[in-house]
Protein backbone atom coordinates (compact mmCIF):
# COMPACT_ATOMS: atom_id res chain seq x y z
CA MET A 1 135.16 -40.57 -36.37
CA LYS A 2 132.33 -42.75 -37.67
CA HIS A 3 134.89 -44.86 -39.56
CA LEU A 4 136.95 -45.37 -36.34
CA PHE A 5 133.84 -46.50 -34.45
CA ILE A 6 132.95 -49.06 -37.14
CA THR A 7 136.54 -50.36 -37.27
CA THR A 8 136.69 -50.67 -33.47
CA SER A 9 133.31 -52.41 -33.38
CA LEU A 10 134.37 -54.81 -36.13
CA LEU A 11 137.62 -55.67 -34.34
CA THR A 12 135.75 -56.21 -31.08
CA CYS A 13 133.29 -58.55 -32.78
CA LEU A 14 136.13 -60.50 -34.38
CA ALA A 15 138.02 -60.76 -31.08
CA LEU A 16 135.08 -62.12 -29.10
CA PRO A 17 134.57 -65.31 -31.10
CA PHE A 18 138.32 -65.93 -31.11
CA SER A 19 138.50 -65.50 -27.34
CA THR A 20 135.49 -67.78 -26.89
CA PHE A 21 137.04 -70.30 -29.29
CA ALA A 22 140.35 -70.20 -27.38
CA GLN A 23 138.55 -70.92 -24.09
CA SER A 24 136.46 -73.66 -25.70
CA SER A 25 139.54 -75.18 -27.30
CA SER A 26 141.36 -75.11 -23.95
CA THR A 27 138.42 -76.79 -22.21
CA GLU A 28 138.27 -79.43 -24.92
CA GLN A 29 141.96 -80.19 -24.34
CA LEU A 30 141.35 -80.53 -20.60
CA ASP A 31 138.29 -82.71 -21.26
CA GLN A 32 140.38 -85.03 -23.40
CA GLU A 33 143.18 -85.12 -20.85
CA ALA A 34 140.66 -86.01 -18.10
CA ARG A 35 139.09 -88.73 -20.27
CA ASN A 36 142.54 -90.21 -20.86
CA ILE A 37 143.23 -90.23 -17.12
CA ALA A 38 139.91 -92.01 -16.50
CA LYS A 39 140.85 -94.62 -19.13
CA GLN A 40 144.27 -95.00 -17.54
CA PHE A 41 142.77 -95.49 -14.08
CA LEU A 42 140.29 -98.09 -15.35
CA ALA A 43 142.94 -99.84 -17.45
CA GLN A 44 145.04 -100.35 -14.33
CA LEU A 45 142.32 -101.11 -11.78
CA LYS A 46 139.86 -103.28 -13.71
CA PRO A 47 142.18 -106.16 -14.71
CA GLU A 48 143.65 -106.38 -11.22
CA LEU A 49 140.18 -106.30 -9.70
CA GLN A 50 138.97 -109.06 -12.03
CA LYS A 51 142.08 -111.13 -11.29
CA SER A 52 141.51 -110.79 -7.54
CA MET A 53 137.81 -111.69 -7.91
CA LYS A 54 138.73 -114.89 -9.80
CA SER A 55 141.61 -115.98 -7.59
CA ASP A 56 140.55 -114.74 -4.14
CA GLY A 57 136.78 -114.22 -4.34
CA PRO A 58 134.74 -111.11 -3.53
CA ALA A 59 135.39 -110.98 0.23
CA LYS A 60 139.18 -110.78 -0.19
CA THR A 61 138.78 -108.43 -3.14
CA VAL A 62 137.24 -105.86 -0.78
CA ALA A 63 140.58 -105.69 1.06
CA PHE A 64 142.40 -105.52 -2.28
CA CYS A 65 140.15 -102.68 -3.47
CA HIS A 66 140.63 -100.85 -0.17
CA THR A 67 144.38 -100.58 -0.73
CA LYS A 68 144.96 -100.96 -4.48
CA ALA A 69 142.50 -98.37 -5.87
CA PRO A 70 143.96 -95.50 -3.78
CA GLU A 71 147.50 -96.60 -4.73
CA ILE A 72 146.64 -96.48 -8.44
CA ALA A 73 144.97 -93.07 -8.04
CA LYS A 74 147.97 -91.71 -6.14
CA LYS A 75 150.47 -92.89 -8.79
CA ILE A 76 148.42 -91.40 -11.62
CA ALA A 77 147.98 -88.14 -9.69
CA GLN A 78 151.74 -87.87 -9.12
CA LYS A 79 152.40 -88.61 -12.79
CA THR A 80 149.79 -86.20 -14.20
CA GLY A 81 149.53 -83.41 -11.61
CA TRP A 82 145.76 -83.89 -11.30
CA ASP A 83 143.72 -84.52 -8.14
CA ILE A 84 142.06 -87.90 -8.67
CA ASN A 85 139.18 -89.33 -6.68
CA ARG A 86 136.00 -91.38 -6.92
CA VAL A 87 132.86 -90.06 -5.23
CA SER A 88 129.32 -91.26 -4.65
CA LEU A 89 126.01 -90.09 -3.22
CA LYS A 90 126.22 -93.35 -1.23
CA PRO A 91 129.91 -93.35 -0.28
CA ARG A 92 131.83 -96.42 0.82
CA GLY A 93 134.91 -94.74 2.26
CA GLU A 94 135.69 -91.35 3.76
CA ASN A 95 137.34 -90.02 0.60
CA ALA A 96 134.29 -90.95 -1.49
CA THR A 97 132.05 -88.30 0.08
CA PRO A 98 131.26 -85.67 -2.58
CA ASP A 99 131.60 -81.95 -2.01
CA GLN A 100 128.74 -79.58 -2.92
CA TRP A 101 129.76 -79.30 -6.61
CA GLU A 102 130.22 -83.06 -6.96
CA THR A 103 126.86 -83.71 -5.29
CA ALA A 104 125.11 -81.44 -7.80
CA VAL A 105 126.85 -83.17 -10.72
CA LEU A 106 125.99 -86.66 -9.40
CA LYS A 107 122.32 -85.62 -9.15
CA ARG A 108 122.54 -84.28 -12.70
CA PHE A 109 123.97 -87.66 -13.80
CA ASN A 110 121.04 -89.50 -12.19
CA ASN A 111 118.61 -87.22 -14.05
CA GLN A 112 120.41 -87.88 -17.32
CA LEU A 113 120.22 -91.62 -16.68
CA ALA A 114 116.50 -91.35 -15.90
CA ASN A 115 116.03 -89.51 -19.21
CA GLY A 116 117.64 -92.36 -21.13
CA THR A 117 121.24 -91.26 -21.53
CA PRO A 118 123.52 -94.33 -21.62
CA PRO A 119 125.52 -94.28 -18.34
CA LYS A 120 128.88 -94.92 -20.03
CA THR A 121 128.53 -91.62 -21.93
CA ILE A 122 127.64 -89.41 -18.97
CA GLU A 123 130.26 -86.85 -18.04
CA PHE A 124 130.48 -83.18 -17.05
CA SER A 125 133.22 -80.57 -16.78
CA ALA A 126 133.45 -76.95 -15.74
CA ILE A 127 135.90 -74.25 -14.80
CA VAL A 128 135.06 -73.13 -11.27
CA GLN A 129 136.40 -70.90 -8.51
CA VAL A 130 137.42 -72.79 -5.36
CA GLY A 131 138.87 -70.86 -2.44
CA GLY A 132 140.19 -68.07 -4.64
CA GLN A 133 141.70 -70.51 -7.16
CA THR A 134 140.51 -71.29 -10.66
CA GLU A 135 140.06 -75.03 -11.19
CA TYR A 136 139.05 -77.23 -14.04
CA ARG A 137 136.79 -80.01 -12.72
CA TYR A 138 135.71 -83.16 -14.52
CA MET A 139 133.41 -86.01 -13.55
CA LYS A 140 132.58 -89.22 -15.39
CA ALA A 141 129.80 -91.54 -14.27
CA ILE A 142 130.65 -95.03 -13.01
CA PRO A 143 127.82 -97.39 -13.97
CA THR A 144 127.07 -100.51 -11.93
CA GLY A 145 127.97 -103.67 -13.82
CA ASN A 146 127.26 -107.30 -13.00
CA VAL A 147 130.62 -107.79 -11.28
CA CYS A 148 129.91 -104.77 -9.03
CA LEU A 149 126.76 -106.32 -7.57
CA ALA A 150 128.64 -108.80 -5.35
CA CYS A 151 129.80 -105.91 -3.16
CA HIS A 152 127.43 -103.08 -4.14
CA GLY A 153 124.14 -104.86 -4.82
CA SER A 154 121.08 -105.59 -2.67
CA LYS A 155 121.95 -109.18 -1.80
CA ILE A 156 125.45 -109.27 -0.37
CA ALA A 157 126.75 -112.55 1.03
CA PRO A 158 127.55 -112.55 4.78
CA PRO A 159 131.34 -113.04 4.35
CA ILE A 160 131.43 -110.00 2.06
CA GLN A 161 129.30 -107.98 4.49
CA GLU A 162 131.74 -108.82 7.31
CA THR A 163 134.72 -107.71 5.24
CA LEU A 164 132.95 -104.53 4.17
CA GLN A 165 132.20 -103.75 7.82
CA GLN A 166 135.85 -104.33 8.71
CA PHE A 167 137.25 -101.97 6.07
CA TYR A 168 134.32 -99.56 5.68
CA PRO A 169 132.36 -99.32 8.95
CA ASN A 170 130.19 -96.46 7.59
CA ASP A 171 129.56 -98.06 4.20
CA ALA A 172 126.53 -96.72 2.33
CA ALA A 173 127.49 -98.02 -1.14
CA THR A 174 125.04 -100.91 -1.38
CA GLY A 175 121.57 -101.51 -2.78
CA TYR A 176 122.48 -100.82 -6.41
CA SER A 177 121.13 -102.66 -9.41
CA LYS A 178 122.80 -103.16 -12.78
CA GLY A 179 122.97 -99.99 -14.87
CA GLN A 180 122.56 -97.51 -12.02
CA ILE A 181 125.20 -94.85 -11.49
CA ARG A 182 127.22 -95.98 -8.51
CA GLY A 183 129.37 -92.88 -8.40
CA ALA A 184 131.82 -90.98 -10.55
CA PHE A 185 135.45 -90.32 -11.22
CA SER A 186 136.14 -86.81 -10.00
CA PHE A 187 139.27 -85.10 -11.26
CA SER A 188 140.46 -81.53 -10.81
CA LYS A 189 143.38 -79.39 -11.86
CA THR A 190 144.34 -75.92 -10.71
CA LEU A 191 144.65 -73.57 -13.67
């Protein structure tokens, strides 16, 4: 009987690390998949945004951003099966308003930034329960760069302000300085 107890205990101990490893390995795969989607989104949006800024200027680029960014997100979501969004504590559009989990993660990101973590490296993922469903959720910080300041900074030119008001009447996504976290990519996948 004592031998059976020891064997059972040993098997249980061996199974636990394997189970934990399997979950960890699965999360790592999802993390990598989410990172690749973020790279894909940026690789499609950034060059088109820069092209529009050079050829049309910031005021017209607001209109471009209003339509093009959601189109890119929608195409990638259809291709990958992920929910894709960008959120902010100071949202520009309706879809950019974070839920409770996203709000907590964005605050965490700001704390990490304040503690010296480089903004380009800030990310977070978790497996959570949402409405009876198990979801993998991933967020990656979006730092404010020089090019962002024309539309998200403290000194926004009047023509840009007019265009922002036209497309985003409840805009709160201004007042940023270079290096601050402007928001985050927020991706989720039902498991």
